[in-house]
């Protein structure tokens, strides 16, 4: 997975300027990071990556990098099946 592309997708979901989100961006307190953003993220990940991320796992992510790692973990698990 291209993390920079993923961060740009997060920018779009949160309606931020491209390049705003980086790996170290804290999600909590980030403008636009709310339940609707989580739903949009789940839909985007399903559509673009054919992965189903559990909302509870998303909620446990503190940074954008944590989200990227979660996606990579689910991609690896899907590939192993």
Protein backbone atom coordinates (compact mmCIF):
# COMPACT_ATOMS: atom_id res chain seq x y z
CA UNK A 1 0.00 0.00 0.00
CA UNK A 2 1.23 3.48 -0.86
CA UNK A 3 0.97 5.33 2.46
CA UNK A 4 1.20 8.77 0.87
CA UNK A 5 -1.77 7.96 -1.37
CA UNK A 6 -3.65 6.68 1.68
CA UNK A 7 -2.91 9.91 3.57
CA UNK A 8 -4.18 11.92 0.59
CA UNK A 9 -7.39 9.87 0.71
CA UNK A 10 -7.71 10.78 4.40
CA UNK A 11 -7.25 14.43 3.41
CA UNK A 12 -10.20 14.07 1.04
CA UNK A 13 -12.39 12.36 3.65
CA UNK A 14 -11.63 15.11 6.17
CA UNK A 15 -11.97 17.83 3.52
CA UNK A 16 -8.42 19.06 4.14
CA UNK A 17 -5.85 20.42 1.73
CA UNK A 18 -3.81 17.69 0.04
CA UNK A 19 -0.71 16.95 2.08
CA UNK A 20 -2.20 17.97 5.41
CA UNK A 21 -2.32 14.44 6.85
CA UNK A 22 1.02 12.79 7.59
CA UNK A 23 1.88 9.64 9.48
CA UNK A 24 2.28 11.56 12.71
CA UNK A 25 -1.06 13.38 12.46
CA UNK A 26 -3.11 12.71 15.58
CA UNK A 27 -6.64 11.69 14.64
CA UNK A 28 -8.42 12.71 17.82
CA UNK A 29 -8.86 16.43 17.79
CA UNK A 30 -8.26 16.59 14.04
CA UNK A 31 -10.88 18.78 12.42
CA UNK A 32 -13.44 16.55 10.72
CA UNK A 33 -12.41 13.30 12.46
CA UNK A 34 -15.78 12.08 13.71
CA UNK A 35 -18.19 9.19 13.25
CA UNK A 36 -19.06 10.30 9.71
CA UNK A 37 -15.37 10.34 8.79
CA UNK A 38 -14.99 6.80 10.17
CA UNK A 39 -17.94 5.64 8.05
CA UNK A 40 -16.40 7.33 5.00
CA UNK A 41 -13.06 5.68 5.77
CA UNK A 42 -14.68 2.24 6.05
CA UNK A 43 -16.44 2.77 2.70
CA UNK A 44 -13.26 4.04 1.00
CA UNK A 45 -11.17 1.14 2.29
CA UNK A 46 -13.81 -1.33 1.14
CA UNK A 47 -14.09 0.30 -2.27
CA UNK A 48 -10.39 0.92 -3.00
CA UNK A 49 -8.72 -1.92 -1.12
CA UNK A 50 -11.47 -4.56 -0.76
CA UNK A 51 -10.87 -4.69 2.99
CA UNK A 52 -13.28 -4.54 5.92
CA UNK A 53 -11.83 -2.62 8.84
CA UNK A 54 -13.66 -3.07 12.15
CA UNK A 55 -14.81 0.25 13.62
CA UNK A 56 -13.41 -0.74 17.02
CA UNK A 57 -9.95 -1.21 15.49
CA UNK A 58 -10.19 2.17 13.77
CA UNK A 59 -11.16 3.80 17.07
CA UNK A 60 -8.02 2.39 18.69
CA UNK A 61 -5.77 4.17 16.15
CA UNK A 62 -4.18 7.33 17.51
CA UNK A 63 -2.39 8.51 14.35
CA UNK A 64 -2.77 8.28 10.60
CA UNK A 65 0.23 5.92 10.62
CA UNK A 66 -1.66 3.63 13.02
CA UNK A 67 -4.50 3.50 10.46
CA UNK A 68 -2.03 2.70 7.68
CA UNK A 69 -0.50 -0.10 9.77
CA UNK A 70 -3.99 -1.46 10.49
CA UNK A 71 -4.73 -1.55 6.76
CA UNK A 72 -1.40 -3.25 6.01
CA UNK A 73 -2.12 -5.85 8.67
CA UNK A 74 -5.54 -6.58 7.14
CA UNK A 75 -4.02 -6.71 3.64
CA UNK A 76 -1.45 -9.26 4.83
CA UNK A 77 -4.15 -11.35 6.51
CA UNK A 78 -6.30 -11.25 3.35
CA UNK A 79 -3.32 -12.29 1.20
CA UNK A 80 -2.58 -15.21 3.52
CA UNK A 81 -6.06 -16.66 3.01
